[in-house]
């Protein structure tokens, strides 16, 4: 039989576009998962992005015969990860463990996994700043993009010392990782090249 499991999410979005020149998009996610204990089940995951199509400005008219598109954009957003087993925050018990009772060996019930009531969402925040361009009637398109991706509270099950090898360690929010980089892409006459 399957274990009952609950997940709830609320999503909202707002978009503004002025003459395809100035664009703003905002998103909000509020999610709850029974994979975490009470008080840790809900996470707020917003995002916002903005773009400015510079090539549409009047001061760019002298370049209109060769510059087809020039757009500056930026975005920031946060994502949540709850991809773990059901009720990982709770202690688990198993049968078949022997103990002494009235000088006899008897089967019993014992804890096999520790609880972790502090277990919470793993969160990833991503920041992007990019410049898109097109020249010669968009025969040559390109993007220059800088990104920063930071993950906090990575869900990880550590190794316990040998003195506790009869137990399974609980999942914990133990680690973090940060990736930064510059990406340059261009498309010329249907051929695409990627440089990292």
Protein backbone atom coordinates (compact mmCIF):
# COMPACT_ATOMS: atom_id res chain seq x y z
CA UNK A 1 0.00 0.00 0.00
CA UNK A 2 1.15 3.54 -0.69
CA UNK A 3 1.81 6.04 2.07
CA UNK A 4 -0.47 9.11 2.00
CA UNK A 5 1.45 12.15 0.85
CA UNK A 6 0.48 15.81 0.63
CA UNK A 7 1.81 18.65 -1.53
CA UNK A 8 0.24 22.05 -2.09
CA UNK A 9 1.34 24.99 -4.21
CA UNK A 10 0.17 28.52 -4.90
CA UNK A 11 1.44 30.32 -8.00
CA UNK A 12 0.95 33.93 -9.10
CA UNK A 13 2.32 35.89 -12.05
CA UNK A 14 2.31 39.51 -13.21
CA UNK A 15 3.62 40.77 -16.56
CA UNK A 16 4.08 44.28 -17.95
CA UNK A 17 5.06 45.13 -21.53
CA UNK A 18 5.31 48.68 -22.82
CA UNK A 19 5.53 48.87 -26.62
CA UNK A 20 7.74 45.75 -26.67
CA UNK A 21 10.47 48.04 -25.35
CA UNK A 22 10.30 47.68 -21.57
CA UNK A 23 9.27 44.32 -20.12
CA UNK A 24 8.91 43.13 -16.54
CA UNK A 25 7.76 39.71 -15.36
CA UNK A 26 7.30 38.68 -11.72
CA UNK A 27 6.40 35.23 -10.38
CA UNK A 28 5.62 33.92 -6.93
CA UNK A 29 5.49 30.33 -5.74
CA UNK A 30 4.46 29.28 -2.25
CA UNK A 31 4.78 25.52 -1.85
CA UNK A 32 4.22 23.08 0.97
CA UNK A 33 5.35 19.47 1.30
CA UNK A 34 4.71 16.81 3.95
CA UNK A 35 8.26 15.60 3.35
CA UNK A 36 9.19 18.11 6.05
CA UNK A 37 8.08 18.53 9.66
CA UNK A 38 5.53 21.11 10.79
CA UNK A 39 7.06 24.55 10.75
CA UNK A 40 9.39 23.61 7.89
CA UNK A 41 6.89 22.47 5.25
CA UNK A 42 6.38 25.72 3.36
CA UNK A 43 8.82 27.62 1.16
CA UNK A 44 8.52 30.91 -0.71
CA UNK A 45 10.11 30.92 -4.17
CA UNK A 46 9.85 34.23 -6.06
CA UNK A 47 11.41 35.34 -9.34
CA UNK A 48 11.59 38.58 -11.33
CA UNK A 49 12.95 39.44 -14.76
CA UNK A 50 13.24 42.64 -16.77
CA UNK A 51 14.29 43.48 -20.32
CA UNK A 52 15.04 46.65 -22.24
CA UNK A 53 14.98 46.53 -26.04
CA UNK A 54 17.57 49.22 -26.66
CA UNK A 55 17.31 48.95 -30.44
CA UNK A 56 13.76 50.34 -30.24
CA UNK A 57 14.91 53.65 -28.75
CA UNK A 58 14.94 56.76 -30.94
CA UNK A 59 18.64 57.43 -30.29
CA UNK A 60 19.41 54.08 -31.96
CA UNK A 61 17.87 55.05 -35.33
CA UNK A 62 21.28 55.71 -36.95
CA UNK A 63 22.13 52.03 -36.45
CA UNK A 64 18.84 50.62 -37.74
CA UNK A 65 20.25 49.75 -41.18
CA UNK A 66 22.61 47.13 -39.70
CA UNK A 67 21.56 46.55 -36.06
CA UNK A 68 18.36 44.49 -36.04
CA UNK A 69 18.09 43.83 -32.33
CA UNK A 70 19.79 44.86 -29.11
CA UNK A 71 18.21 43.82 -25.82
CA UNK A 72 19.54 44.00 -22.29
CA UNK A 73 17.90 41.67 -19.76
CA UNK A 74 18.34 40.60 -16.16
CA UNK A 75 16.62 38.04 -13.96
CA UNK A 76 16.71 36.64 -10.46
CA UNK A 77 14.77 33.67 -9.13
CA UNK A 78 14.66 31.08 -6.40
CA UNK A 79 13.70 27.40 -6.73
CA UNK A 80 12.96 24.79 -4.07
CA UNK A 81 13.74 21.08 -4.04
CA UNK A 82 11.80 18.55 -1.96
CA UNK A 83 12.79 15.44 -3.95
CA UNK A 84 13.24 13.11 -1.01
CA UNK A 85 11.33 10.17 0.39
CA UNK A 86 8.05 10.58 2.23
CA UNK A 87 8.33 11.74 5.84
CA UNK A 88 12.14 11.68 5.84
CA UNK A 89 12.13 13.91 8.93
CA UNK A 90 10.62 11.17 11.11
CA UNK A 91 12.44 8.43 12.99
CA UNK A 92 11.90 4.91 11.65
CA UNK A 93 11.58 1.69 13.65
CA UNK A 94 12.11 -1.91 12.65
CA UNK A 95 11.27 -5.30 14.14
CA UNK A 96 13.38 -8.41 14.57
CA UNK A 97 15.84 -6.97 17.06
CA UNK A 98 16.73 -9.22 19.97
CA UNK A 99 16.79 -8.19 23.60
CA UNK A 100 16.87 -9.98 26.93
CA UNK A 101 13.63 -10.38 28.88
CA UNK A 102 13.38 -12.68 31.94
CA UNK A 103 16.66 -14.29 30.89
CA UNK A 104 15.18 -15.17 27.51
CA UNK A 105 16.01 -13.75 24.09
CA UNK A 106 12.96 -12.00 22.63
CA UNK A 107 12.17 -10.16 19.43
CA UNK A 108 11.64 -6.45 19.77
CA UNK A 109 11.21 -3.15 18.02
CA UNK A 110 14.08 -0.67 17.73
CA UNK A 111 14.79 2.64 16.05
CA UNK A 112 16.66 2.26 12.75
CA UNK A 113 16.77 5.87 11.50
CA UNK A 114 17.16 9.06 13.49
CA UNK A 115 14.63 11.88 13.14
CA UNK A 116 15.49 15.37 11.91
CA UNK A 117 12.81 17.95 12.65
CA UNK A 118 15.04 20.72 11.25
CA UNK A 119 14.96 19.24 7.71
CA UNK A 120 13.80 21.89 5.21
CA UNK A 121 13.68 22.83 1.53
CA UNK A 122 16.86 22.86 -0.52
CA UNK A 123 16.98 26.29 -2.21
CA UNK A 124 18.67 27.44 -5.42
CA UNK A 125 18.95 31.13 -6.33
CA UNK A 126 19.90 32.05 -9.90
CA UNK A 127 20.95 35.49 -11.18
CA UNK A 128 21.37 36.15 -14.92
CA UNK A 129 22.41 39.26 -16.83
CA UNK A 130 22.38 39.00 -20.61
CA UNK A 131 22.74 41.00 -23.80
CA UNK A 132 21.02 39.75 -26.97
CA UNK A 133 21.93 41.19 -30.35
CA UNK A 134 21.09 40.70 -34.01
CA UNK A 135 22.77 42.31 -36.98
CA UNK A 136 22.34 42.31 -40.76
CA UNK A 137 18.61 41.66 -40.61
CA UNK A 138 19.20 39.04 -37.89
CA UNK A 139 21.51 36.96 -40.09
CA UNK A 140 23.90 37.01 -37.16
CA UNK A 141 22.37 36.55 -33.70
CA UNK A 142 24.21 36.35 -30.44
CA UNK A 143 23.94 36.34 -26.68
CA UNK A 144 26.41 37.29 -24.00
CA UNK A 145 25.29 36.10 -20.59
CA UNK A 146 26.71 36.18 -17.07
CA UNK A 147 25.16 33.85 -14.50
CA UNK A 148 25.48 33.09 -10.81
CA UNK A 149 23.79 29.97 -9.42
CA UNK A 150 23.91 29.31 -5.69
CA UNK A 151 22.37 26.29 -3.95
CA UNK A 152 22.02 26.25 -0.16
CA UNK A 153 20.89 23.51 2.20
CA UNK A 154 21.63 20.64 -0.16
CA UNK A 155 19.77 17.55 1.04
CA UNK A 156 22.37 14.94 1.95
CA UNK A 157 22.58 11.82 4.09
CA UNK A 158 25.94 11.79 5.90
CA UNK A 159 27.89 8.74 7.00
CA UNK A 160 27.60 7.84 10.66
CA UNK A 161 30.53 6.65 12.78
CA UNK A 162 31.03 2.90 13.09
CA UNK A 163 29.69 2.92 16.63
CA UNK A 164 26.28 3.80 15.12
CA UNK A 165 26.41 1.50 12.10
CA UNK A 166 23.15 -0.16 13.13
CA UNK A 167 21.35 3.11 12.33
CA UNK A 168 20.63 4.94 9.09
CA UNK A 169 21.59 8.61 9.28
CA UNK A 170 18.82 11.16 8.72
CA UNK A 171 18.76 13.45 5.72
CA UNK A 172 20.21 16.86 6.54
CA UNK A 173 20.64 20.26 4.89
CA UNK A 174 24.41 20.05 4.90
CA UNK A 175 26.06 21.56 1.86
CA UNK A 176 26.09 24.43 -0.58
CA UNK A 177 27.51 25.01 -4.04
CA UNK A 178 28.05 28.13 -6.15
CA UNK A 179 28.45 28.13 -9.95
CA UNK A 180 29.39 31.30 -11.84
CA UNK A 181 30.21 31.76 -15.47
CA UNK A 182 30.15 33.63 -18.74
CA UNK A 183 28.42 32.16 -21.78
CA UNK A 184 28.71 33.47 -25.33
CA UNK A 185 26.51 32.07 -28.10
CA UNK A 186 26.05 33.11 -31.70
CA UNK A 187 24.03 31.90 -34.66
CA UNK A 188 25.24 32.62 -38.18
CA UNK A 189 23.29 31.48 -41.24
CA UNK A 190 21.77 28.54 -39.36
CA UNK A 191 25.02 27.36 -37.74
CA UNK A 192 25.39 27.65 -33.98
CA UNK A 193 28.60 27.69 -31.98
CA UNK A 194 28.87 27.59 -28.21
CA UNK A 195 31.76 28.93 -26.21
CA UNK A 196 32.08 28.35 -22.46
